[in-house]
């Protein structure tokens, strides 16, 4: 099995673990994310340094997947975007809650 196939299988498995309609996530619960032309899955684990947020994205089925890992302390956020205005996603930590939402504006 190729690396791309393995990543896509893992992403679909994680998505099936969580409810795609919820804004908040629980540890290891996968959430489907969509940035227009680029989509994938995000999840997090609780680590000593903070919440380790893992986002895997690819452009369509043929695109090369990329993995982004961010460690968030309370009050921190990570913003993922594409050159297209439609694709802005904010993942933020509010205390012990992790929120995933589409953002309306591009952040600097």
Protein backbone atom coordinates (compact mmCIF):
# COMPACT_ATOMS: atom_id res chain seq x y z
CA UNK A 1 0.00 0.00 0.00
CA UNK A 2 1.42 3.42 -0.95
CA UNK A 3 2.01 6.19 1.55
CA UNK A 4 -0.75 8.29 -0.04
CA UNK A 5 -3.24 5.42 0.23
CA UNK A 6 -2.25 4.83 3.85
CA UNK A 7 -2.71 8.53 4.71
CA UNK A 8 -6.08 8.68 3.01
CA UNK A 9 -7.23 5.50 4.77
CA UNK A 10 -6.13 6.93 8.13
CA UNK A 11 -7.91 10.20 7.39
CA UNK A 12 -11.18 8.47 6.53
CA UNK A 13 -10.89 6.32 9.65
CA UNK A 14 -10.41 9.40 11.83
CA UNK A 15 -13.34 11.16 10.19
CA UNK A 16 -15.59 8.20 10.95
CA UNK A 17 -14.66 8.44 14.65
CA UNK A 18 -16.11 11.92 15.14
CA UNK A 19 -19.22 13.92 14.41
CA UNK A 20 -18.50 16.21 11.48
CA UNK A 21 -21.13 18.76 12.51
CA UNK A 22 -19.67 19.62 15.94
CA UNK A 23 -17.51 22.71 16.44
CA UNK A 24 -15.63 21.29 19.43
CA UNK A 25 -13.44 18.24 19.28
CA UNK A 26 -12.50 15.61 21.83
CA UNK A 27 -8.99 14.10 21.87
CA UNK A 28 -8.38 11.73 18.94
CA UNK A 29 -11.77 12.65 17.43
CA UNK A 30 -11.35 13.34 13.72
CA UNK A 31 -13.01 16.29 11.99
CA UNK A 32 -13.32 16.74 8.27
CA UNK A 33 -11.93 20.08 7.10
CA UNK A 34 -12.52 21.83 3.78
CA UNK A 35 -10.52 24.73 2.36
CA UNK A 36 -12.16 24.77 -1.07
CA UNK A 37 -9.72 22.99 -3.40
CA UNK A 38 -7.90 21.44 -0.43
CA UNK A 39 -9.52 19.18 2.15
CA UNK A 40 -8.60 16.63 4.78
CA UNK A 41 -8.94 15.82 8.46
CA UNK A 42 -7.85 17.34 11.78
CA UNK A 43 -7.53 15.78 15.25
CA UNK A 44 -5.59 16.41 18.43
CA UNK A 45 -3.96 14.63 21.34
CA UNK A 46 -3.25 15.97 24.82
CA UNK A 47 0.49 16.30 25.42
CA UNK A 48 2.49 17.76 28.35
CA UNK A 49 3.29 20.92 26.32
CA UNK A 50 -0.30 21.49 25.09
CA UNK A 51 -2.76 20.13 22.56
CA UNK A 52 -0.93 18.59 19.61
CA UNK A 53 -3.17 19.37 16.62
CA UNK A 54 -2.55 17.27 13.51
CA UNK A 55 -4.08 18.39 10.21
CA UNK A 56 -3.63 16.32 7.04
CA UNK A 57 -4.63 18.03 3.78
CA UNK A 58 -4.54 17.16 0.08
CA UNK A 59 -5.83 18.64 -3.15
CA UNK A 60 -8.32 16.10 -4.47
CA UNK A 61 -7.59 12.38 -4.50
CA UNK A 62 -4.48 12.74 -6.66
CA UNK A 63 -2.85 15.53 -4.61
CA UNK A 64 0.13 14.87 -2.40
CA UNK A 65 -1.02 14.93 1.24
CA UNK A 66 0.72 17.26 3.66
CA UNK A 67 0.69 17.00 7.44
CA UNK A 68 0.73 20.07 9.69
CA UNK A 69 1.38 19.65 13.42
CA UNK A 70 0.77 22.54 15.82
CA UNK A 71 1.01 22.55 19.62
CA UNK A 72 -1.56 24.92 21.12
CA UNK A 73 -1.56 26.32 24.67
CA UNK A 74 -4.78 27.84 26.07
CA UNK A 75 -5.74 30.96 24.08
CA UNK A 76 -3.66 30.08 21.03
CA UNK A 77 -4.90 29.39 17.50
CA UNK A 78 -3.65 28.28 14.13
CA UNK A 79 -5.13 29.56 10.87
CA UNK A 80 -4.92 27.51 7.68
CA UNK A 81 -5.76 29.12 4.36
CA UNK A 82 -5.37 28.85 0.61
CA UNK A 83 -4.79 31.67 -1.87
CA UNK A 84 -8.55 31.62 -2.50
CA UNK A 85 -10.68 33.71 -0.13
CA UNK A 86 -13.12 30.79 0.38
CA UNK A 87 -10.53 28.63 2.10
CA UNK A 88 -9.84 29.88 5.66
CA UNK A 89 -9.97 27.57 8.67
CA UNK A 90 -9.26 28.50 12.29
CA UNK A 91 -8.38 25.91 14.94
CA UNK A 92 -8.30 27.48 18.40
CA UNK A 93 -7.87 26.36 21.98
CA UNK A 94 -10.12 27.88 24.62
CA UNK A 95 -9.10 26.39 27.97
CA UNK A 96 -9.59 22.63 27.61
CA UNK A 97 -11.72 22.97 24.46
CA UNK A 98 -10.51 22.82 20.87
CA UNK A 99 -12.69 24.58 18.31
CA UNK A 100 -12.60 24.20 14.53
CA UNK A 101 -14.40 26.79 12.44
CA UNK A 102 -14.48 28.41 9.05
CA UNK A 103 -13.23 31.97 9.35
CA UNK A 104 -14.77 34.82 7.38
CA UNK A 105 -11.64 36.90 6.91
CA UNK A 106 -8.02 36.22 6.07
CA UNK A 107 -5.72 36.70 9.09
CA UNK A 108 -2.26 38.26 8.87
